[in-house]
C-alpha atoms as a PDB file:
ATOM      1  CA  UNK A   1     -15.744   6.569  12.101  1.00  0.00           C
ATOM      2  CA  UNK A   2     -12.784   4.221  11.619  1.00  0.00           C
ATOM      3  CA  UNK A   3     -14.588   1.682   9.441  1.00  0.00           C
ATOM      4  CA  UNK A   4     -13.284   3.093   6.140  1.00  0.00           C
ATOM      5  CA  UNK A   5      -9.736   2.157   7.208  1.00  0.00           C
ATOM      6  CA  UNK A   6     -10.769  -1.513   7.248  1.00  0.00           C
ATOM      7  CA  UNK A   7     -11.838  -1.362   3.584  1.00  0.00           C
ATOM      8  CA  UNK A   8      -8.810   0.530   2.233  1.00  0.00           C
ATOM      9  CA  UNK A   9      -6.624  -2.609   1.777  1.00  0.00           C
ATOM     10  CA  UNK A  10      -9.495  -4.335  -0.027  1.00  0.00           C
ATOM     11  CA  UNK A  11     -10.090  -1.399  -2.353  1.00  0.00           C
ATOM     12  CA  UNK A  12      -6.380  -1.016  -2.996  1.00  0.00           C
ATOM     13  CA  UNK A  13      -6.202  -4.675  -3.956  1.00  0.00           C
ATOM     14  CA  UNK A  14      -9.131  -4.348  -6.354  1.00  0.00           C
ATOM     15  CA  UNK A  15      -7.718  -1.294  -8.132  1.00  0.00           C
ATOM     16  CA  UNK A  16      -4.050  -2.180  -8.441  1.00  0.00           C
ATOM     17  CA  UNK A  17      -2.150  -1.154 -11.543  1.00  0.00           C
ATOM     18  CA  UNK A  18      -0.091  -3.801 -13.317  1.00  0.00           C
ATOM     19  CA  UNK A  19       3.102  -2.531 -11.672  1.00  0.00           C
ATOM     20  CA  UNK A  20       1.754  -3.143  -8.187  1.00  0.00           C
ATOM     21  CA  UNK A  21       1.001  -6.839  -8.474  1.00  0.00           C
ATOM     22  CA  UNK A  22       4.200  -8.011  -6.790  1.00  0.00           C
ATOM     23  CA  UNK A  23       4.030  -9.681  -3.382  1.00  0.00           C
ATOM     24  CA  UNK A  24       5.186  -7.208  -0.726  1.00  0.00           C
ATOM     25  CA  UNK A  25       5.465  -8.577   2.803  1.00  0.00           C
ATOM     26  CA  UNK A  26       8.690  -7.137   4.265  1.00  0.00           C
ATOM     27  CA  UNK A  27      10.488  -3.764   4.493  1.00  0.00           C
ATOM     28  CA  UNK A  28      13.032  -4.642   1.783  1.00  0.00           C
ATOM     29  CA  UNK A  29      10.351  -5.557  -0.772  1.00  0.00           C
ATOM     30  CA  UNK A  30       8.446  -2.412   0.179  1.00  0.00           C
ATOM     31  CA  UNK A  31      11.513  -0.242  -0.362  1.00  0.00           C
ATOM     32  CA  UNK A  32      12.338  -1.887  -3.704  1.00  0.00           C
ATOM     33  CA  UNK A  33       8.774  -1.176  -4.862  1.00  0.00           C
ATOM     34  CA  UNK A  34       9.293   2.518  -4.048  1.00  0.00           C
ATOM     35  CA  UNK A  35       7.215   2.473  -0.873  1.00  0.00           C
ATOM     36  CA  UNK A  36       7.829   3.058   2.807  1.00  0.00           C
ATOM     37  CA  UNK A  37       6.656   1.388   6.020  1.00  0.00           C
ATOM     38  CA  UNK A  38       4.343   3.397   8.254  1.00  0.00           C
ATOM     39  CA  UNK A  39       1.502   2.912  10.757  1.00  0.00           C
ATOM     40  CA  UNK A  40      -1.001   4.479   8.346  1.00  0.00           C
ATOM     41  CA  UNK A  41      -0.839   5.596   4.726  1.00  0.00           C
ATOM     42  CA  UNK A  42      -1.144   9.318   4.057  1.00  0.00           C
ATOM     43  CA  UNK A  43      -4.253  10.431   2.082  1.00  0.00           C
ATOM     44  CA  UNK A  44      -2.373  10.719  -1.235  1.00  0.00           C
ATOM     45  CA  UNK A  45      -0.584   7.388  -0.705  1.00  0.00           C
ATOM     46  CA  UNK A  46      -1.963   3.936  -1.365  1.00  0.00           C
ATOM     47  CA  UNK A  47      -1.516   0.642   0.428  1.00  0.00           C
ATOM     48  CA  UNK A  48       0.670  -1.695  -1.656  1.00  0.00           C
ATOM     49  CA  UNK A  49       1.575  -4.388   0.894  1.00  0.00           C
ATOM     50  CA  UNK A  50       2.784  -5.011   4.402  1.00  0.00           C
ATOM     51  CA  UNK A  51       6.093  -4.728   6.211  1.00  0.00           C
ATOM     52  CA  UNK A  52       6.317  -4.137   9.948  1.00  0.00           C
ATOM     53  CA  UNK A  53       3.162  -2.034   9.485  1.00  0.00           C
ATOM     54  CA  UNK A  54       1.751  -0.915   6.114  1.00  0.00           C
ATOM     55  CA  UNK A  55       3.727  -0.419   2.930  1.00  0.00           C
ATOM     56  CA  UNK A  56       2.570   2.850   1.369  1.00  0.00           C
ATOM     57  CA  UNK A  57       3.420   4.405  -1.972  1.00  0.00           C
ATOM     58  CA  UNK A  58       2.263   7.606  -3.619  1.00  0.00           C
ATOM     59  CA  UNK A  59      -0.685   6.804  -5.861  1.00  0.00           C
ATOM     60  CA  UNK A  60      -0.140   6.938  -9.596  1.00  0.00           C
ATOM     61  CA  UNK A  61      -2.628   7.005 -12.437  1.00  0.00           C
ATOM     62  CA  UNK A  62      -2.933   3.705 -14.284  1.00  0.00           C
END
């Protein structure tokens, strides 16, 4: 049931657009990239890095 959550960061990494290749590992970097820190990413938001939890940003078409 919760196994698909384990693969989401891997899939997000494989399908990143050119604008999402920066290294995001803190809340400030996440905010500058247009994301927000949260425990989980909403269904229409993608994982773009880490901060205190996950850095999520609304998915865009490449």
